[in-house]
Amino acid sequence: MIICQLSLFPIPKGAMRQGIIDEVVERLKYHEVEYETSKLSITVYGREDEVWTAVQDLYHSLREVCGNSMLQAVFLDGEYHQEAVVKKVAVR
């Protein structure tokens, strides 16, 4: 399993921010990954190839919408129990 925490900087405000979050969550539904959202990030976890594919898809779609923004991706690899790792990685 691999875990990736995604954050977008600068953080868009208002309706644009919510629209971007909604788009990201909608795109994740097409990948075989699990995810959790928080105010500052989305944590994606699952099989390594699926997470990499999902993150690459999000990168390309967000680049079109938020051209001047930076997508930060932090990966954690390990054989940890997913709930325990997500709680350590996710910003709550």
PDB file of N, CA and C in Angstrom:
ATOM      1  N   MET A   1       0.846  -1.177   0.000  1.00  0.00           N
ATOM      2  CA  MET A   1       0.000   0.000   0.000  1.00  0.00           C
ATOM      3  C   MET A   1       0.886   1.233   0.000  1.00  0.00           C
ATOM      4  N   ILE A   2       0.385   2.285  -0.629  1.00  0.00           N
ATOM      5  CA  ILE A   2       1.062   3.578  -0.617  1.00  0.00           C
ATOM      6  C   ILE A   2       0.023   4.639  -0.277  1.00  0.00           C
ATOM      7  N   ILE A   3       0.480   5.683   0.384  1.00  0.00           N
ATOM      8  CA  ILE A   3      -0.397   6.781   0.795  1.00  0.00           C
ATOM      9  C   ILE A   3       0.167   8.069   0.239  1.00  0.00           C
ATOM     10  N   CYS A   4      -0.714   8.941  -0.233  1.00  0.00           N
ATOM     11  CA  CYS A   4      -0.284  10.229  -0.759  1.00  0.00           C
ATOM     12  C   CYS A   4      -1.188  11.322  -0.206  1.00  0.00           C
ATOM     13  N   GLN A   5      -0.569  12.338   0.365  1.00  0.00           N
ATOM     14  CA  GLN A   5      -1.308  13.493   0.845  1.00  0.00           C
ATOM     15  C   GLN A   5      -1.111  14.616  -0.162  1.00  0.00           C
ATOM     16  N   LEU A   6      -2.213  15.141  -0.700  1.00  0.00           N
ATOM     17  CA  LEU A   6      -2.177  16.173  -1.726  1.00  0.00           C
ATOM     18  C   LEU A   6      -2.650  17.506  -1.163  1.00  0.00           C
ATOM     19  N   SER A   7      -1.893  18.563  -1.467  1.00  0.00           N
ATOM     20  CA  SER A   7      -2.276  19.914  -1.072  1.00  0.00           C
ATOM     21  C   SER A   7      -2.053  20.831  -2.260  1.00  0.00           C
ATOM     22  N   LEU A   8      -2.937  21.803  -2.433  1.00  0.00           N
ATOM     23  CA  LEU A   8      -2.852  22.758  -3.528  1.00  0.00           C
ATOM     24  C   LEU A   8      -2.516  24.127  -2.953  1.00  0.00           C
ATOM     25  N   PHE A   9      -1.477  24.771  -3.497  1.00  0.00           N
ATOM     26  CA  PHE A   9      -1.053  26.099  -3.041  1.00  0.00           C
ATOM     27  C   PHE A   9      -0.955  27.053  -4.218  1.00  0.00           C
ATOM     28  N   PRO A  10      -1.317  28.284  -4.135  1.00  0.00           N
ATOM     29  CA  PRO A  10      -2.056  28.847  -3.008  1.00  0.00           C
ATOM     30  C   PRO A  10      -3.466  28.278  -2.971  1.00  0.00           C
ATOM     31  N   ILE A  11      -4.038  28.269  -1.802  1.00  0.00           N
ATOM     32  CA  ILE A  11      -5.370  27.706  -1.625  1.00  0.00           C
ATOM     33  C   ILE A  11      -6.390  28.689  -2.186  1.00  0.00           C
ATOM     34  N   PRO A  12      -7.142  28.289  -3.227  1.00  0.00           N
ATOM     35  CA  PRO A  12      -8.182  29.172  -3.773  1.00  0.00           C
ATOM     36  C   PRO A  12      -9.257  29.441  -2.726  1.00  0.00           C
ATOM     37  N   LYS A  13      -9.938  30.559  -2.851  1.00  0.00           N
ATOM     38  CA  LYS A  13     -10.968  30.934  -1.877  1.00  0.00           C
ATOM     39  C   LYS A  13     -12.357  30.820  -2.486  1.00  0.00           C
ATOM     40  N   GLY A  14     -13.329  30.725  -1.619  1.00  0.00           N
ATOM     41  CA  GLY A  14     -14.729  30.779  -2.004  1.00  0.00           C
ATOM     42  C   GLY A  14     -15.190  29.647  -2.889  1.00  0.00           C
ATOM     43  N   ALA A  15     -16.057  30.013  -3.852  1.00  0.00           N
ATOM     44  CA  ALA A  15     -16.686  29.024  -4.725  1.00  0.00           C
ATOM     45  C   ALA A  15     -15.664  28.281  -5.571  1.00  0.00           C
ATOM     46  N   MET A  16     -14.596  28.961  -5.993  1.00  0.00           N
ATOM     47  CA  MET A  16     -13.584  28.306  -6.813  1.00  0.00           C
ATOM     48  C   MET A  16     -12.933  27.163  -6.037  1.00  0.00           C
ATOM     49  N   ARG A  17     -12.647  27.398  -4.754  1.00  0.00           N
ATOM     50  CA  ARG A  17     -12.033  26.363  -3.925  1.00  0.00           C
ATOM     51  C   ARG A  17     -12.930  25.139  -3.825  1.00  0.00           C
ATOM     52  N   GLN A  18     -14.185  25.362  -3.510  1.00  0.00           N
ATOM     53  CA  GLN A  18     -15.107  24.232  -3.368  1.00  0.00           C
ATOM     54  C   GLN A  18     -15.275  23.513  -4.690  1.00  0.00           C
ATOM     55  N   GLY A  19     -15.323  24.238  -5.792  1.00  0.00           N
ATOM     56  CA  GLY A  19     -15.445  23.618  -7.106  1.00  0.00           C
ATOM     57  C   GLY A  19     -14.259  22.723  -7.421  1.00  0.00           C
ATOM     58  N   ILE A  20     -13.056  23.167  -7.063  1.00  0.00           N
ATOM     59  CA  ILE A  20     -11.849  22.373  -7.289  1.00  0.00           C
ATOM     60  C   ILE A  20     -11.880  21.116  -6.441  1.00  0.00           C
ATOM     61  N   ILE A  21     -12.249  21.253  -5.179  1.00  0.00           N
ATOM     62  CA  ILE A  21     -12.338  20.086  -4.291  1.00  0.00           C
ATOM     63  C   ILE A  21     -13.359  19.093  -4.826  1.00  0.00           C
ATOM     64  N   ASP A  22     -14.507  19.587  -5.247  1.00  0.00           N
ATOM     65  CA  ASP A  22     -15.546  18.704  -5.794  1.00  0.00           C
ATOM     66  C   ASP A  22     -15.047  17.974  -7.035  1.00  0.00           C
ATOM     67  N   GLU A  23     -14.306  18.680  -7.898  1.00  0.00           N
ATOM     68  CA  GLU A  23     -13.774  18.064  -9.113  1.00  0.00           C
ATOM     69  C   GLU A  23     -12.758  16.974  -8.777  1.00  0.00           C
ATOM     70  N   VAL A  24     -11.886  17.256  -7.810  1.00  0.00           N
ATOM     71  CA  VAL A  24     -10.887  16.262  -7.411  1.00  0.00           C
ATOM     72  C   VAL A  24     -11.563  15.012  -6.862  1.00  0.00           C
ATOM     73  N   VAL A  25     -12.519  15.200  -5.977  1.00  0.00           N
ATOM     74  CA  VAL A  25     -13.228  14.055  -5.388  1.00  0.00           C
ATOM     75  C   VAL A  25     -13.955  13.271  -6.475  1.00  0.00           C
ATOM     76  N   GLU A  26     -14.571  13.958  -7.412  1.00  0.00           N
ATOM     77  CA  GLU A  26     -15.269  13.281  -8.502  1.00  0.00           C
ATOM     78  C   GLU A  26     -14.297  12.465  -9.350  1.00  0.00           C
ATOM     79  N   ARG A  27     -13.123  12.995  -9.643  1.00  0.00           N
ATOM     80  CA  ARG A  27     -12.129  12.275 -10.446  1.00  0.00           C
ATOM     81  C   ARG A  27     -11.593  11.053  -9.699  1.00  0.00           C
ATOM     82  N   LEU A  28     -11.461  11.160  -8.383  1.00  0.00           N
ATOM     83  CA  LEU A  28     -10.956  10.028  -7.600  1.00  0.00           C
ATOM     84  C   LEU A  28     -11.902   8.836  -7.648  1.00  0.00           C
ATOM     85  N   LYS A  29     -13.174   9.088  -7.874  1.00  0.00           N
ATOM     86  CA  LYS A  29     -14.157   8.005  -7.934  1.00  0.00           C
ATOM     87  C   LYS A  29     -13.906   7.071  -9.117  1.00  0.00           C
ATOM     88  N   TYR A  30     -13.144   7.522 -10.105  1.00  0.00           N
ATOM     89  CA  TYR A  30     -12.842   6.697 -11.271  1.00  0.00           C
ATOM     90  C   TYR A  30     -11.597   5.834 -11.081  1.00  0.00           C
ATOM     91  N   HIS A  31     -10.965   5.946  -9.939  1.00  0.00           N
ATOM     92  CA  HIS A  31      -9.752   5.180  -9.652  1.00  0.00           C
ATOM     93  C   HIS A  31     -10.030   4.241  -8.484  1.00  0.00           C
ATOM     94  N   GLU A  32      -9.325   3.141  -8.448  1.00  0.00           N
ATOM     95  CA  GLU A  32      -9.504   2.159  -7.380  1.00  0.00           C
ATOM     96  C   GLU A  32      -8.640   2.542  -6.184  1.00  0.00           C
ATOM     97  N   VAL A  33      -8.976   3.681  -5.575  1.00  0.00           N
ATOM     98  CA  VAL A  33      -8.273   4.181  -4.396  1.00  0.00           C
ATOM     99  C   VAL A  33      -9.308   4.603  -3.365  1.00  0.00           C
ATOM    100  N   GLU A  34      -8.845   4.714  -2.137  1.00  0.00           N
ATOM    101  CA  GLU A  34      -9.672   5.287  -1.085  1.00  0.00           C
ATOM    102  C   GLU A  34      -9.108   6.651  -0.773  1.00  0.00           C
ATOM    103  N   TYR A  35      -9.911   7.531  -0.209  1.00  0.00           N
ATOM    104  CA  TYR A  35      -9.438   8.877   0.062  1.00  0.00           C
ATOM    105  C   TYR A  35     -10.208   9.497   1.226  1.00  0.00           C
ATOM    106  N   GLU A  36      -9.567  10.473   1.841  1.00  0.00           N
ATOM    107  CA  GLU A  36     -10.197  11.279   2.889  1.00  0.00           C
ATOM    108  C   GLU A  36      -9.879  12.726   2.591  1.00  0.00           C
ATOM    109  N   THR A  37     -10.829  13.598   2.842  1.00  0.00           N
ATOM    110  CA  THR A  37     -10.607  15.020   2.628  1.00  0.00           C
ATOM    111  C   THR A  37     -10.556  15.746   3.960  1.00  0.00           C
ATOM    112  N   SER A  38      -9.790  16.820   3.989  1.00  0.00           N
ATOM    113  CA  SER A  38      -9.763  17.714   5.140  1.00  0.00           C
ATOM    114  C   SER A  38      -9.764  19.143   4.598  1.00  0.00           C
ATOM    115  N   LYS A  39      -9.684  20.109   5.456  1.00  0.00           N
ATOM    116  CA  LYS A  39      -9.696  21.505   5.011  1.00  0.00           C
ATOM    117  C   LYS A  39      -8.475  21.858   4.172  1.00  0.00           C
ATOM    118  N   LEU A  40      -7.349  21.201   4.418  1.00  0.00           N
ATOM    119  CA  LEU A  40      -6.109  21.582   3.745  1.00  0.00           C
ATOM    120  C   LEU A  40      -5.558  20.547   2.788  1.00  0.00           C
ATOM    121  N   SER A  41      -6.116  19.338   2.775  1.00  0.00           N
ATOM    122  CA  SER A  41      -5.520  18.315   1.925  1.00  0.00           C
ATOM    123  C   SER A  41      -6.506  17.191   1.638  1.00  0.00           C
ATOM    124  N   ILE A  42      -6.101  16.358   0.691  1.00  0.00           N
ATOM    125  CA  ILE A  42      -6.799  15.113   0.403  1.00  0.00           C
ATOM    126  C   ILE A  42      -5.763  14.008   0.548  1.00  0.00           C
ATOM    127  N   THR A  43      -6.097  12.975   1.294  1.00  0.00           N
ATOM    128  CA  THR A  43      -5.203  11.846   1.477  1.00  0.00           C
ATOM    129  C   THR A  43      -5.757  10.678   0.672  1.00  0.00           C
ATOM    130  N   VAL A  44      -4.920  10.156  -0.224  1.00  0.00           N
ATOM    131  CA  VAL A  44      -5.296   9.064  -1.113  1.00  0.00           C
ATOM    132  C   VAL A  44      -4.472   7.840  -0.724  1.00  0.00           C
ATOM    133  N   TYR A  45      -5.096   6.682  -0.640  1.00  0.00           N
ATOM    134  CA  TYR A  45      -4.344   5.487  -0.319  1.00  0.00           C
ATOM    135  C   TYR A  45      -4.906   4.275  -1.048  1.00  0.00           C
ATOM    136  N   GLY A  46      -4.009   3.327  -1.309  1.00  0.00           N
ATOM    137  CA  GLY A  46      -4.383   2.120  -2.026  1.00  0.00           C
ATOM    138  C   GLY A  46      -3.156   1.457  -2.619  1.00  0.00           C
ATOM    139  N   ARG A  47      -3.383   0.612  -3.634  1.00  0.00           N
ATOM    140  CA  ARG A  47      -2.268  -0.044  -4.309  1.00  0.00           C
ATOM    141  C   ARG A  47      -1.392   1.006  -4.989  1.00  0.00           C
ATOM    142  N   GLU A  48      -0.101   0.773  -4.991  1.00  0.00           N
ATOM    143  CA  GLU A  48       0.857   1.761  -5.484  1.00  0.00           C
ATOM    144  C   GLU A  48       0.535   2.231  -6.901  1.00  0.00           C
ATOM    145  N   ASP A  49       0.291   1.320  -7.822  1.00  0.00           N
ATOM    146  CA  ASP A  49       0.032   1.725  -9.206  1.00  0.00           C
ATOM    147  C   ASP A  49      -1.254   2.538  -9.324  1.00  0.00           C
ATOM    148  N   GLU A  50      -2.266   2.204  -8.539  1.00  0.00           N
ATOM    149  CA  GLU A  50      -3.526   2.942  -8.582  1.00  0.00           C
ATOM    150  C   GLU A  50      -3.374   4.357  -8.023  1.00  0.00           C
ATOM    151  N   VAL A  51      -2.628   4.495  -6.924  1.00  0.00           N
ATOM    152  CA  VAL A  51      -2.428   5.820  -6.333  1.00  0.00           C
ATOM    153  C   VAL A  51      -1.627   6.701  -7.286  1.00  0.00           C
ATOM    154  N   TRP A  52      -0.550   6.170  -7.861  1.00  0.00           N
ATOM    155  CA  TRP A  52       0.257   6.950  -8.808  1.00  0.00           C
ATOM    156  C   TRP A  52      -0.581   7.394  -9.997  1.00  0.00           C
ATOM    157  N   THR A  53      -1.410   6.508 -10.520  1.00  0.00           N
ATOM    158  CA  THR A  53      -2.269   6.848 -11.659  1.00  0.00           C
ATOM    159  C   THR A  53      -3.264   7.937 -11.279  1.00  0.00           C
ATOM    160  N   ALA A  54      -3.881   7.816 -10.105  1.00  0.00           N
ATOM    161  CA  ALA A  54      -4.843   8.819  -9.649  1.00  0.00           C
ATOM    162  C   ALA A  54      -4.173  10.175  -9.455  1.00  0.00           C
ATOM    163  N   VAL A  55      -2.994  10.192  -8.846  1.00  0.00           N
ATOM    164  CA  VAL A  55      -2.288  11.460  -8.605  1.00  0.00           C
ATOM    165  C   VAL A  55      -1.886  12.098  -9.933  1.00  0.00           C
ATOM    166  N   GLN A  56      -1.441  11.294 -10.871  1.00  0.00           N
ATOM    167  CA  GLN A  56      -1.072  11.828 -12.180  1.00  0.00           C
ATOM    168  C   GLN A  56      -2.299  12.438 -12.863  1.00  0.00           C
ATOM    169  N   ASP A  57      -3.435  11.770 -12.785  1.00  0.00           N
ATOM    170  CA  ASP A  57      -4.676  12.290 -13.359  1.00  0.00           C
ATOM    171  C   ASP A  57      -5.052  13.622 -12.712  1.00  0.00           C
ATOM    172  N   LEU A  58      -4.969  13.687 -11.389  1.00  0.00           N
ATOM    173  CA  LEU A  58      -5.300  14.924 -10.686  1.00  0.00           C
ATOM    174  C   LEU A  58      -4.347  16.046 -11.064  1.00  0.00           C
ATOM    175  N   TYR A  59      -3.068  15.726 -11.172  1.00  0.00           N
ATOM    176  CA  TYR A  59      -2.071  16.729 -11.546  1.00  0.00           C
ATOM    177  C   TYR A  59      -2.426  17.357 -12.896  1.00  0.00           C
ATOM    178  N   HIS A  60      -2.714  16.523 -13.880  1.00  0.00           N
ATOM    179  CA  HIS A  60      -3.013  17.038 -15.214  1.00  0.00           C
ATOM    180  C   HIS A  60      -4.308  17.841 -15.240  1.00  0.00           C
ATOM    181  N   SER A  61      -5.336  17.388 -14.524  1.00  0.00           N
ATOM    182  CA  SER A  61      -6.601  18.122 -14.522  1.00  0.00           C
ATOM    183  C   SER A  61      -6.482  19.434 -13.751  1.00  0.00           C
ATOM    184  N   LEU A  62      -5.754  19.433 -12.623  1.00  0.00           N
ATOM    185  CA  LEU A  62      -5.596  20.659 -11.846  1.00  0.00           C
ATOM    186  C   LEU A  62      -4.706  21.672 -12.555  1.00  0.00           C
ATOM    187  N   ARG A  63      -3.754  21.204 -13.341  1.00  0.00           N
ATOM    188  CA  ARG A  63      -2.881  22.110 -14.076  1.00  0.00           C
ATOM    189  C   ARG A  63      -3.695  22.953 -15.055  1.00  0.00           C
ATOM    190  N   GLU A  64      -4.733  22.354 -15.648  1.00  0.00           N
ATOM    191  CA  GLU A  64      -5.600  23.085 -16.570  1.00  0.00           C
ATOM    192  C   GLU A  64      -6.435  24.136 -15.846  1.00  0.00           C
ATOM    193  N   VAL A  65      -6.933  23.792 -14.657  1.00  0.00           N
ATOM    194  CA  VAL A  65      -7.816  24.687 -13.914  1.00  0.00           C
ATOM    195  C   VAL A  65      -7.033  25.729 -13.112  1.00  0.00           C
ATOM    196  N   CYS A  66      -5.933  25.324 -12.504  1.00  0.00           N
ATOM    197  CA  CYS A  66      -5.157  26.183 -11.596  1.00  0.00           C
ATOM    198  C   CYS A  66      -3.729  26.313 -12.117  1.00  0.00           C
ATOM    199  N   GLY A  67      -3.566  26.888 -13.256  1.00  0.00           N
ATOM    200  CA  GLY A  67      -2.269  26.939 -13.916  1.00  0.00           C
ATOM    201  C   GLY A  67      -1.136  27.483 -13.072  1.00  0.00           C
ATOM    202  N   ASN A  68      -1.394  28.460 -12.226  1.00  0.00           N
ATOM    203  CA  ASN A  68      -0.334  29.081 -11.423  1.00  0.00           C
ATOM    204  C   ASN A  68      -0.200  28.489 -10.034  1.00  0.00           C
ATOM    205  N   SER A  69      -0.928  27.443  -9.753  1.00  0.00           N
ATOM    206  CA  SER A  69      -0.879  26.830  -8.432  1.00  0.00           C
ATOM    207  C   SER A  69       0.108  25.677  -8.416  1.00  0.00           C
ATOM    208  N   MET A  70       0.500  25.292  -7.206  1.00  0.00           N
ATOM    209  CA  MET A  70       1.423  24.181  -7.021  1.00  0.00           C
ATOM    210  C   MET A  70       0.676  23.046  -6.324  1.00  0.00           C
ATOM    211  N   LEU A  71       0.770  21.846  -6.873  1.00  0.00           N
ATOM    212  CA  LEU A  71       0.193  20.663  -6.242  1.00  0.00           C
ATOM    213  C   LEU A  71       1.320  19.941  -5.520  1.00  0.00           C
ATOM    214  N   GLN A  72       1.226  19.897  -4.202  1.00  0.00           N
ATOM    215  CA  GLN A  72       2.243  19.219  -3.402  1.00  0.00           C
ATOM    216  C   GLN A  72       1.741  17.815  -3.082  1.00  0.00           C
ATOM    217  N   ALA A  73       2.581  16.830  -3.355  1.00  0.00           N
ATOM    218  CA  ALA A  73       2.237  15.436  -3.082  1.00  0.00           C
ATOM    219  C   ALA A  73       3.298  14.845  -2.170  1.00  0.00           C
ATOM    220  N   VAL A  74       2.868  14.331  -1.014  1.00  0.00           N
ATOM    221  CA  VAL A  74       3.767  13.689  -0.059  1.00  0.00           C
ATOM    222  C   VAL A  74       3.367  12.217  -0.010  1.00  0.00           C
ATOM    223  N   PHE A  75       4.327  11.337  -0.323  1.00  0.00           N
ATOM    224  CA  PHE A  75       4.059   9.900  -0.371  1.00  0.00           C
ATOM    225  C   PHE A  75       4.643   9.200   0.841  1.00  0.00           C
ATOM    226  N   LEU A  76       3.932   8.180   1.308  1.00  0.00           N
ATOM    227  CA  LEU A  76       4.404   7.326   2.386  1.00  0.00           C
ATOM    228  C   LEU A  76       4.190   5.890   1.944  1.00  0.00           C
ATOM    229  N   ASP A  77       5.250   5.128   1.962  1.00  0.00           N
ATOM    230  CA  ASP A  77       5.186   3.734   1.548  1.00  0.00           C
ATOM    231  C   ASP A  77       5.363   2.863   2.773  1.00  0.00           C
ATOM    232  N   GLY A  78       4.601   1.804   2.869  1.00  0.00           N
ATOM    233  CA  GLY A  78       4.775   0.917   4.006  1.00  0.00           C
ATOM    234  C   GLY A  78       3.680  -0.100   4.118  1.00  0.00           C
ATOM    235  N   GLU A  79       3.891  -1.029   4.992  1.00  0.00           N
ATOM    236  CA  GLU A  79       2.938  -2.106   5.241  1.00  0.00           C
ATOM    237  C   GLU A  79       2.161  -1.835   6.531  1.00  0.00           C
ATOM    238  N   TYR A  80       1.821  -0.583   6.746  1.00  0.00           N
ATOM    239  CA  TYR A  80       1.119  -0.189   7.958  1.00  0.00           C
ATOM    240  C   TYR A  80      -0.384  -0.385   7.782  1.00  0.00           C
ATOM    241  N   HIS A  81      -1.067  -0.468   8.893  1.00  0.00           N
ATOM    242  CA  HIS A  81      -2.525  -0.517   8.873  1.00  0.00           C
ATOM    243  C   HIS A  81      -3.028   0.813   8.345  1.00  0.00           C
ATOM    244  N   GLN A  82      -3.877   0.811   7.319  1.00  0.00           N
ATOM    245  CA  GLN A  82      -4.238   2.038   6.628  1.00  0.00           C
ATOM    246  C   GLN A  82      -4.866   3.091   7.538  1.00  0.00           C
ATOM    247  N   GLU A  83      -5.700   2.719   8.472  1.00  0.00           N
ATOM    248  CA  GLU A  83      -6.348   3.708   9.335  1.00  0.00           C
ATOM    249  C   GLU A  83      -5.323   4.417  10.207  1.00  0.00           C
ATOM    250  N   ALA A  84      -4.396   3.685  10.769  1.00  0.00           N
ATOM    251  CA  ALA A  84      -3.374   4.287  11.629  1.00  0.00           C
ATOM    252  C   ALA A  84      -2.475   5.223  10.836  1.00  0.00           C
ATOM    253  N   VAL A  85      -2.110   4.855   9.631  1.00  0.00           N
ATOM    254  CA  VAL A  85      -1.237   5.690   8.818  1.00  0.00           C
ATOM    255  C   VAL A  85      -1.968   6.929   8.345  1.00  0.00           C
ATOM    256  N   VAL A  86      -3.191   6.792   7.917  1.00  0.00           N
ATOM    257  CA  VAL A  86      -3.949   7.949   7.443  1.00  0.00           C
ATOM    258  C   VAL A  86      -4.109   8.966   8.565  1.00  0.00           C
ATOM    259  N   LYS A  87      -4.345   8.513   9.779  1.00  0.00           N
ATOM    260  CA  LYS A  87      -4.479   9.440  10.891  1.00  0.00           C
ATOM    261  C   LYS A  87      -3.170  10.185  11.155  1.00  0.00           C
ATOM    262  N   LYS A  88      -2.042   9.537  10.932  1.00  0.00           N
ATOM    263  CA  LYS A  88      -0.757  10.191  11.127  1.00  0.00           C
ATOM    264  C   LYS A  88      -0.463  11.180  10.025  1.00  0.00           C
ATOM    265  N   VAL A  89      -0.906  10.891   8.795  1.00  0.00           N
ATOM    266  CA  VAL A  89      -0.556  11.713   7.637  1.00  0.00           C
ATOM    267  C   VAL A  89      -1.552  12.841   7.427  1.00  0.00           C
ATOM    268  N   ALA A  90      -2.837  12.564   7.578  1.00  0.00           N
ATOM    269  CA  ALA A  90      -3.864  13.541   7.246  1.00  0.00           C
ATOM    270  C   ALA A  90      -3.869  14.720   8.211  1.00  0.00           C
ATOM    271  N   VAL A  91      -4.058  15.900   7.653  1.00  0.00           N
ATOM    272  CA  VAL A  91      -4.206  17.102   8.481  1.00  0.00           C
ATOM    273  C   VAL A  91      -5.661  17.188   8.881  1.00  0.00           C
ATOM    274  N   ARG A  92      -5.902  17.269  10.134  1.00  0.00           N
ATOM    275  CA  ARG A  92      -7.294  17.323  10.604  1.00  0.00           C
ATOM    276  C   ARG A  92      -7.575  18.629  11.275  1.00  0.00           C
TER     277      ARG A  92
END
